[in-house]
Structures are given as C-alpha cells and as structure tokens.
C-alpha atoms as a PDB file:
ATOM      1  CA  MET A   1       3.345   4.388  86.688  1.00  0.00           C
ATOM      2  CA  LEU A   2       3.797   7.874  88.102  1.00  0.00           C
ATOM      3  CA  GLY A   3       7.584   7.690  87.837  1.00  0.00           C
ATOM      4  CA  PHE A   4       7.369   6.779  84.178  1.00  0.00           C
ATOM      5  CA  THR A   5       5.079   9.648  83.470  1.00  0.00           C
ATOM      6  CA  PHE A   6       7.466  12.283  85.089  1.00  0.00           C
ATOM      7  CA  SER A   7      10.445  10.989  83.182  1.00  0.00           C
ATOM      8  CA  SER A   8       8.527  11.084  79.969  1.00  0.00           C
ATOM      9  CA  VAL A   9       7.496  14.665  80.578  1.00  0.00           C
ATOM     10  CA  LEU A  10      11.068  15.746  81.394  1.00  0.00           C
ATOM     11  CA  PHE A  11      12.400  14.101  78.278  1.00  0.00           C
ATOM     12  CA  VAL A  12       9.804  15.797  76.121  1.00  0.00           C
ATOM     13  CA  ALA A  13      10.729  19.182  77.706  1.00  0.00           C
ATOM     14  CA  MET A  14      14.425  18.701  76.992  1.00  0.00           C
ATOM     15  CA  LEU A  15      13.716  17.860  73.408  1.00  0.00           C
ATOM     16  CA  ALA A  16      11.607  20.987  73.144  1.00  0.00           C
ATOM     17  CA  ALA A  17      14.521  23.095  74.462  1.00  0.00           C
ATOM     18  CA  VAL A  18      17.241  21.474  72.406  1.00  0.00           C
ATOM     19  CA  GLY A  19      15.398  21.953  69.171  1.00  0.00           C
ATOM     20  CA  PRO A  20      15.432  25.777  69.106  1.00  0.00           C
ATOM     21  CA  LEU A  21      19.045  25.790  70.392  1.00  0.00           C
ATOM     22  CA  THR A  22      20.130  23.626  67.533  1.00  0.00           C
ATOM     23  CA  THR A  23      18.305  25.830  65.091  1.00  0.00           C
ATOM     24  CA  ALA A  24      19.958  28.969  66.591  1.00  0.00           C
ATOM     25  CA  LEU A  25      23.422  27.470  66.382  1.00  0.00           C
ATOM     26  CA  ARG A  26      22.888  26.642  62.768  1.00  0.00           C
ATOM     27  CA  SER A  27      21.663  30.093  61.888  1.00  0.00           C
ATOM     28  CA  GLY A  28      24.438  31.909  63.894  1.00  0.00           C
ATOM     29  CA  ASP A  29      21.999  33.913  66.007  1.00  0.00           C
ATOM     30  CA  LEU A  30      23.239  32.393  69.256  1.00  0.00           C
ATOM     31  CA  VAL A  31      26.872  33.231  68.459  1.00  0.00           C
ATOM     32  CA  ALA A  32      25.896  36.818  67.700  1.00  0.00           C
ATOM     33  CA  LYS A  33      23.910  37.085  70.919  1.00  0.00           C
ATOM     34  CA  LEU A  34      26.791  35.665  72.970  1.00  0.00           C
ATOM     35  CA  ARG A  35      29.172  38.134  71.336  1.00  0.00           C
ATOM     36  CA  ASP A  36      26.860  41.088  71.954  1.00  0.00           C
ATOM     37  CA  ASN A  37      26.237  40.133  75.574  1.00  0.00           C
ATOM     38  CA  ALA A  38      29.915  39.364  76.377  1.00  0.00           C
ATOM     39  CA  PRO A  39      31.442  41.831  78.904  1.00  0.00           C
ATOM     40  CA  THR A  40      33.817  44.339  77.384  1.00  0.00           C
ATOM     41  CA  THR A  41      37.154  44.841  79.189  1.00  0.00           C
ATOM     42  CA  VAL A  42      38.623  48.336  78.841  1.00  0.00           C
ATOM     43  CA  LEU A  43      42.368  48.644  79.446  1.00  0.00           C
ATOM     44  CA  GLU A  44      43.112  51.867  81.160  1.00  0.00           C
ATOM     45  CA  HIS A  45      46.558  53.453  81.025  1.00  0.00           C
ATOM     46  CA  ALA A  46      47.749  50.902  78.517  1.00  0.00           C
ATOM     47  CA  PRO A  47      51.426  51.447  77.885  1.00  0.00           C
ATOM     48  CA  SER A  48      52.154  53.133  74.576  1.00  0.00           C
ATOM     49  CA  LEU A  49      54.822  51.759  72.321  1.00  0.00           C
ATOM     50  CA  THR A  50      55.516  55.233  70.909  1.00  0.00           C
ATOM     51  CA  PRO A  51      58.122  57.089  73.007  1.00  0.00           C
ATOM     52  CA  GLU A  52      56.809  60.265  74.527  1.00  0.00           C
ATOM     53  CA  PRO A  53      58.701  63.468  73.695  1.00  0.00           C
ATOM     54  CA  ARG A  54      61.079  64.583  76.440  1.00  0.00           C
ATOM     55  CA  LEU A  55      60.065  67.733  78.215  1.00  0.00           C
ATOM     56  CA  GLU A  56      62.657  70.302  79.168  1.00  0.00           C
ATOM     57  CA  ALA A  57      62.858  71.043  82.843  1.00  0.00           C
ATOM     58  CA  GLY A  58      60.813  74.029  83.888  1.00  0.00           C
ATOM     59  CA  LEU A  59      58.659  74.119  80.700  1.00  0.00           C
ATOM     60  CA  GLY A  60      55.744  71.951  82.016  1.00  0.00           C
ATOM     61  CA  ALA A  61      53.860  69.199  80.227  1.00  0.00           C
ATOM     62  CA  ASN A  62      52.454  71.435  77.479  1.00  0.00           C
ATOM     63  CA  PRO A  63      54.770  72.063  74.504  1.00  0.00           C
ATOM     64  CA  ALA A  64      56.044  75.597  74.185  1.00  0.00           C
ATOM     65  CA  SER A  65      54.557  77.845  71.554  1.00  0.00           C
ATOM     66  CA  PRO A  66      56.706  78.883  68.553  1.00  0.00           C
ATOM     67  CA  ALA A  67      56.909  82.444  69.862  1.00  0.00           C
ATOM     68  CA  ALA A  68      58.079  81.250  73.289  1.00  0.00           C
ATOM     69  CA  THR A  69      60.618  78.916  71.692  1.00  0.00           C
ATOM     70  CA  GLN A  70      62.007  81.751  69.523  1.00  0.00           C
ATOM     71  CA  ALA A  71      62.179  84.088  72.526  1.00  0.00           C
ATOM     72  CA  ALA A  72      63.977  81.443  74.583  1.00  0.00           C
ATOM     73  CA  THR A  73      66.520  80.734  71.846  1.00  0.00           C
ATOM     74  CA  THR A  74      67.118  84.380  70.869  1.00  0.00           C
ATOM     75  CA  LYS A  75      70.332  85.623  72.485  1.00  0.00           C
ATOM     76  CA  ARG A  76      69.848  88.915  74.220  1.00  0.00           C
ATOM     77  CA  PRO A  77      72.617  91.506  73.709  1.00  0.00           C
ATOM     78  CA  THR A  78      74.833  92.024  76.718  1.00  0.00           C
ATOM     79  CA  THR A  79      75.117  95.608  77.869  1.00  0.00           C
ATOM     80  CA  ARG A  80      78.355  96.463  79.631  1.00  0.00           C
ATOM     81  CA  ALA A  81      78.323  99.079  82.291  1.00  0.00           C
ATOM     82  CA  PRO A  82      80.592 102.052  81.420  1.00  0.00           C
ATOM     83  CA  LYS A  83      83.811 102.293  83.379  1.00  0.00           C
ATOM     84  CA  PRO A  84      83.754 105.059  85.978  1.00  0.00           C
ATOM     85  CA  ALA A  85      85.802 108.042  84.945  1.00  0.00           C
ATOM     86  CA  ALA A  86      88.790 108.837  87.073  1.00  0.00           C
ATOM     87  CA  SER A  87      88.052 111.548  89.563  1.00  0.00           C
ATOM     88  CA  ALA A  88      89.827 114.862  89.444  1.00  0.00           C
ATOM     89  CA  SER A  89      91.548 114.140  92.753  1.00  0.00           C
ATOM     90  CA  ALA A  90      92.916 110.825  91.468  1.00  0.00           C
ATOM     91  CA  THR A  91      94.237 112.519  88.329  1.00  0.00           C
ATOM     92  CA  ALA A  92      95.841 115.275  90.367  1.00  0.00           C
ATOM     93  CA  SER A  93      97.385 112.717  92.705  1.00  0.00           C
ATOM     94  CA  ALA A  94      98.831 110.752  89.783  1.00  0.00           C
ATOM     95  CA  SER A  95     100.266 113.945  88.320  1.00  0.00           C
ATOM     96  CA  ALA A  96     101.785 114.895  91.637  1.00  0.00           C
ATOM     97  CA  SER A  97     103.355 111.469  92.143  1.00  0.00           C
ATOM     98  CA  ALA A  98     104.855 111.356  88.615  1.00  0.00           C
ATOM     99  CA  PRO A  99     108.608 111.970  88.674  1.00  0.00           C
ATOM    100  CA  SER A 100     109.620 115.383  87.406  1.00  0.00           C
ATOM    101  CA  PRO A 101     112.077 115.510  84.504  1.00  0.00           C
ATOM    102  CA  PRO A 102     115.682 116.231  85.398  1.00  0.00           C
ATOM    103  CA  PRO A 103     116.721 119.886  85.164  1.00  0.00           C
ATOM    104  CA  LYS A 104     118.426 121.015  82.002  1.00  0.00           C
ATOM    105  CA  PRO A 105     122.143 121.699  82.325  1.00  0.00           C
ATOM    106  CA  LEU A 106     123.454 125.233  82.437  1.00  0.00           C
ATOM    107  CA  VAL A 107     124.917 126.816  79.338  1.00  0.00           C
ATOM    108  CA  LEU A 108     128.560 127.507  80.217  1.00  0.00           C
ATOM    109  CA  LYS A 109     130.784 130.015  78.488  1.00  0.00           C
ATOM    110  CA  VAL A 110     134.569 130.405  78.628  1.00  0.00           C
ATOM    111  CA  ALA A 111     136.070 133.491  76.972  1.00  0.00           C
ATOM    112  CA  LEU A 112     139.772 134.158  76.357  1.00  0.00           C
ATOM    113  CA  GLY A 113     140.834 137.768  76.065  1.00  0.00           C
ATOM    114  CA  GLY A 114     143.524 140.297  76.765  1.00  0.00           C
ATOM    115  CA  VAL A 115     146.276 138.155  75.276  1.00  0.00           C
ATOM    116  CA  LYS A 116     149.495 140.110  75.047  1.00  0.00           C
ATOM    117  CA  VAL A 117     153.232 139.501  74.806  1.00  0.00           C
ATOM    118  CA  THR A 118     154.905 141.489  77.598  1.00  0.00           C
ATOM    119  CA  SER A 119     158.499 140.582  76.675  1.00  0.00           C
ATOM    120  CA  GLY A 120     160.283 138.839  73.825  1.00  0.00           C
ATOM    121  CA  SER A 121     159.445 138.628  70.162  1.00  0.00           C
ATOM    122  CA  TYR A 122     156.421 136.344  69.845  1.00  0.00           C
ATOM    123  CA  LYS A 123     153.210 136.700  67.898  1.00  0.00           C
ATOM    124  CA  ALA A 124     150.074 137.157  70.015  1.00  0.00           C
ATOM    125  CA  ASP A 125     147.914 135.486  67.329  1.00  0.00           C
ATOM    126  CA  VAL A 126     149.839 132.229  67.776  1.00  0.00           C
ATOM    127  CA  VAL A 127     149.191 132.343  71.529  1.00  0.00           C
ATOM    128  CA  LYS A 128     145.478 133.032  70.981  1.00  0.00           C
ATOM    129  CA  SER A 129     145.199 130.066  68.641  1.00  0.00           C
ATOM    130  CA  LYS A 130     146.876 127.705  71.071  1.00  0.00           C
ATOM    131  CA  LEU A 131     144.854 128.948  74.041  1.00  0.00           C
ATOM    132  CA  GLY A 132     141.642 128.659  71.997  1.00  0.00           C
ATOM    133  CA  ALA A 133     142.322 124.925  71.600  1.00  0.00           C
ATOM    134  CA  THR A 134     142.061 124.549  75.382  1.00  0.00           C
ATOM    135  CA  ARG A 135     138.542 126.018  75.564  1.00  0.00           C
ATOM    136  CA  GLY A 136     136.855 122.596  75.958  1.00  0.00           C
ATOM    137  CA  ALA A 137     139.200 121.554  78.790  1.00  0.00           C
ATOM    138  CA  LEU A 138     138.678 124.909  80.561  1.00  0.00           C
ATOM    139  CA  GLU A 139     134.886 124.493  80.240  1.00  0.00           C
ATOM    140  CA  GLN A 140     135.148 121.048  81.852  1.00  0.00           C
ATOM    141  CA  CYS A 141     137.078 122.578  84.763  1.00  0.00           C
ATOM    142  CA  TYR A 142     134.273 125.098  85.175  1.00  0.00           C
ATOM    143  CA  ARG A 143     131.512 122.461  85.005  1.00  0.00           C
ATOM    144  CA  SER A 144     133.188 120.217  87.578  1.00  0.00           C
ATOM    145  CA  GLU A 145     133.477 123.117  90.021  1.00  0.00           C
ATOM    146  CA  LEU A 146     129.763 123.985  89.616  1.00  0.00           C
ATOM    147  CA  GLU A 147     128.569 120.525  90.640  1.00  0.00           C
ATOM    148  CA  GLY A 148     126.718 120.604  93.957  1.00  0.00           C
ATOM    149  CA  ARG A 149     126.899 124.367  94.408  1.00  0.00           C
ATOM    150  CA  GLU A 150     125.223 127.571  93.301  1.00  0.00           C
ATOM    151  CA  PRO A 151     126.251 128.763  89.835  1.00  0.00           C
ATOM    152  CA  PHE A 152     128.883 131.476  89.802  1.00  0.00           C
ATOM    153  CA  GLY A 153     130.948 133.430  87.310  1.00  0.00           C
ATOM    154  CA  GLY A 154     134.287 135.173  87.424  1.00  0.00           C
ATOM    155  CA  SER A 155     137.641 135.715  85.767  1.00  0.00           C
ATOM    156  CA  ILE A 156     141.319 134.838  86.174  1.00  0.00           C
ATOM    157  CA  ASP A 157     144.305 136.872  84.986  1.00  0.00           C
ATOM    158  CA  MET A 158     146.908 134.349  83.878  1.00  0.00           C
ATOM    159  CA  SER A 159     150.612 134.771  83.168  1.00  0.00           C
ATOM    160  CA  PHE A 160     153.207 132.283  81.911  1.00  0.00           C
ATOM    161  CA  GLN A 161     156.445 132.042  79.932  1.00  0.00           C
ATOM    162  CA  ILE A 162     157.159 130.193  76.689  1.00  0.00           C
ATOM    163  CA  ASP A 163     160.670 128.788  76.844  1.00  0.00           C
ATOM    164  CA  SER A 164     163.061 128.015  74.002  1.00  0.00           C
ATOM    165  CA  GLU A 165     161.476 124.604  73.479  1.00  0.00           C
ATOM    166  CA  GLY A 166     157.947 126.024  73.267  1.00  0.00           C
ATOM    167  CA  GLN A 167     156.910 124.775  76.700  1.00  0.00           C
ATOM    168  CA  ALA A 168     154.748 126.890  79.073  1.00  0.00           C
ATOM    169  CA  ARG A 169     156.574 127.620  82.287  1.00  0.00           C
ATOM    170  CA  GLY A 170     155.646 129.424  85.513  1.00  0.00           C
ATOM    171  CA  VAL A 171     151.908 129.345  84.894  1.00  0.00           C
ATOM    172  CA  GLY A 172     150.147 131.340  87.621  1.00  0.00           C
ATOM    173  CA  ALA A 173     147.016 133.363  88.410  1.00  0.00           C
ATOM    174  CA  ARG A 174     146.728 136.951  89.552  1.00  0.00           C
ATOM    175  CA  ASN A 175     143.767 138.344  91.455  1.00  0.00           C
ATOM    176  CA  PRO A 176     141.366 135.467  90.778  1.00  0.00           C
ATOM    177  CA  ASP A 177     137.707 135.865  91.868  1.00  0.00           C
ATOM    178  CA  VAL A 178     136.789 132.193  91.403  1.00  0.00           C
ATOM    179  CA  PRO A 179     137.293 129.200  93.738  1.00  0.00           C
ATOM    180  CA  SER A 180     140.832 127.932  94.168  1.00  0.00           C
ATOM    181  CA  ASN A 181     139.958 124.492  92.748  1.00  0.00           C
ATOM    182  CA  LEU A 182     139.014 126.109  89.449  1.00  0.00           C
ATOM    183  CA  VAL A 183     142.261 128.105  89.463  1.00  0.00           C
ATOM    184  CA  SER A 184     144.283 124.928  89.980  1.00  0.00           C
ATOM    185  CA  CYS A 185     142.477 123.163  87.111  1.00  0.00           C
ATOM    186  CA  VAL A 186     143.164 126.127  84.787  1.00  0.00           C
ATOM    187  CA  ASN A 187     146.871 126.137  85.737  1.00  0.00           C
ATOM    188  CA  ARG A 188     147.224 122.418  84.897  1.00  0.00           C
ATOM    189  CA  THR A 189     145.435 122.902  81.578  1.00  0.00           C
ATOM    190  CA  LEU A 190     147.619 125.806  80.410  1.00  0.00           C
ATOM    191  CA  SER A 191     150.802 124.048  81.520  1.00  0.00           C
ATOM    192  CA  ARG A 192     150.170 121.210  79.040  1.00  0.00           C
ATOM    193  CA  VAL A 193     149.957 123.506  75.997  1.00  0.00           C
ATOM    194  CA  LYS A 194     152.837 123.158  73.512  1.00  0.00           C
ATOM    195  CA  TYR A 195     153.808 126.321  71.547  1.00  0.00           C
ATOM    196  CA  PRO A 196     156.158 126.879  68.650  1.00  0.00           C
ATOM    197  CA  PRO A 197     159.610 127.702  70.077  1.00  0.00           C
ATOM    198  CA  PRO A 198     160.412 131.426  70.059  1.00  0.00           C
ATOM    199  CA  GLU A 199     163.042 132.618  67.535  1.00  0.00           C
ATOM    200  CA  GLU A 200     165.230 134.478  70.013  1.00  0.00           C
ATOM    201  CA  ARG A 201     164.554 134.180  73.703  1.00  0.00           C
ATOM    202  CA  ALA A 202     161.703 133.156  76.002  1.00  0.00           C
ATOM    203  CA  ALA A 203     158.497 135.150  75.702  1.00  0.00           C
ATOM    204  CA  GLN A 204     156.356 136.354  78.587  1.00  0.00           C
ATOM    205  CA  ILE A 205     152.613 136.010  77.995  1.00  0.00           C
ATOM    206  CA  GLY A 206     149.584 137.435  79.813  1.00  0.00           C
ATOM    207  CA  CYS A 207     145.837 136.739  79.271  1.00  0.00           C
ATOM    208  CA  THR A 208     142.461 136.844  80.940  1.00  0.00           C
ATOM    209  CA  ILE A 209     140.016 133.931  81.160  1.00  0.00           C
ATOM    210  CA  ARG A 210     136.378 134.753  81.933  1.00  0.00           C
ATOM    211  CA  PHE A 211     133.762 132.254  83.108  1.00  0.00           C
ATOM    212  CA  SER A 212     130.007 132.840  82.810  1.00  0.00           C
ATOM    213  CA  PHE A 213     126.782 130.838  82.531  1.00  0.00           C
ATOM    214  CA  GLU A 214     123.218 131.076  81.247  1.00  0.00           C
ATOM    215  CA  LYS A 215     120.153 129.210  82.422  1.00  0.00           C
ATOM    216  CA  PRO A 216     118.521 127.038  79.733  1.00  0.00           C
ATOM    217  CA  SER A 217     115.246 128.190  78.214  1.00  0.00           C
ATOM    218  CA  GLU A 218     112.043 126.487  79.420  1.00  0.00           C
ATOM    219  CA  SER A 219     110.814 125.733  75.872  1.00  0.00           C
END
C-alpha cells in the first residue's frame, strides 16, 4: 500500500514537470533560453584570408608616412669633391723634365768676290756667273765642316785655269784660314765647273771665297 502511494506521487510530479516543459517548447521560450545560456567560443588569432601587406626591411610594422616615403624615394644630388690642383713643385718638375726643342740651325753665308782674269782674253762676268752657280754646293761644304764643332768663319783665295775645252784645271788654294777639309771640298766643287771655251788660249782665273755665319733669332 505504501509502495503504490510513492509511485503515484512520483508519477504525478513528473506530469507536473512535463506540462510546463511542453508548453515552453511550443512557445519557443526554452529554445531562446538555451541559446542565450549557451557558452560563446571566441576564436583568437583567427587566420585572415586577406593577405597582409609586405613590410620593407628596416621600416617596422607601421606603414611609412607620405613625407617619409617621398624623402626615401627622392634621389639626393651627388656632390663630387674637386680635384686637387697640381702643386707648383709638380708643375716645375714637369716643365724641367719636358724635352727642350732642338736648336735652330745657323744661318750660313758664302760670298764670292775678287774675281779677275790674270792672263788670257776671258770675260770676268762669265766666270762670276759660273762660280755663282756653285754657291749651294760650297754652302754644303761649309755646313758639313761645322758639324760637331764650334762655328767659325774664314776665306780662301782660289786660283785655276780654264783650258781650251772650258775645263777648270789646276784648282788650288792660297793662304787659306779655314780647315783643310773645307779647302778640299771647295777644290772638288770648282773642278767640276764647265766654262765656255776661251777664244784664243787658256785663261788664268783668281777669286776669293768667304765663309761666315749668323746665329738664328730667338723669336
């Protein structure tokens, strides 16, 4: 009898509890309460699908300001250091080591004078003309003798004979005051001169050849 009574009471209590629950389910209050009381899960450091902007090395996490970006991209002008001027001693040394220009050649002069016909009938003007044609060869004799020695001047008294064929014979020097090599060169030069043949007999000729020089001007 006691067991039946406890079971009856328990059954009545269950019915009492199920009734409000059923009413709550129908009205949606229980679903709202379960949703409000459900624990909320917060995801921390959830991965983002948007790619983060790449940061340049050395600029830090914060983006650079427009002014800093313009300053970083603006190209600064490059200032070159001036080249050192050459010192006076270096300039003087370069001038001293520069090769000096070769010396100017001497101005040589060869003069023919004192032409005379000592024997025979021959015109002195013809002899002067022929001797004048040898001036370049006589100057070369003079220049060759001056090479490697101190300049000098002097004169030679020459004598020779013009034979019937117009050839100079017996060319010789009297009282020369120039080196013997120059005298020999003059003798060979005058011996090669060809004259018009004399009308009658051989003519004896005498002349003086003078050698002189001048130093070139510095200008």
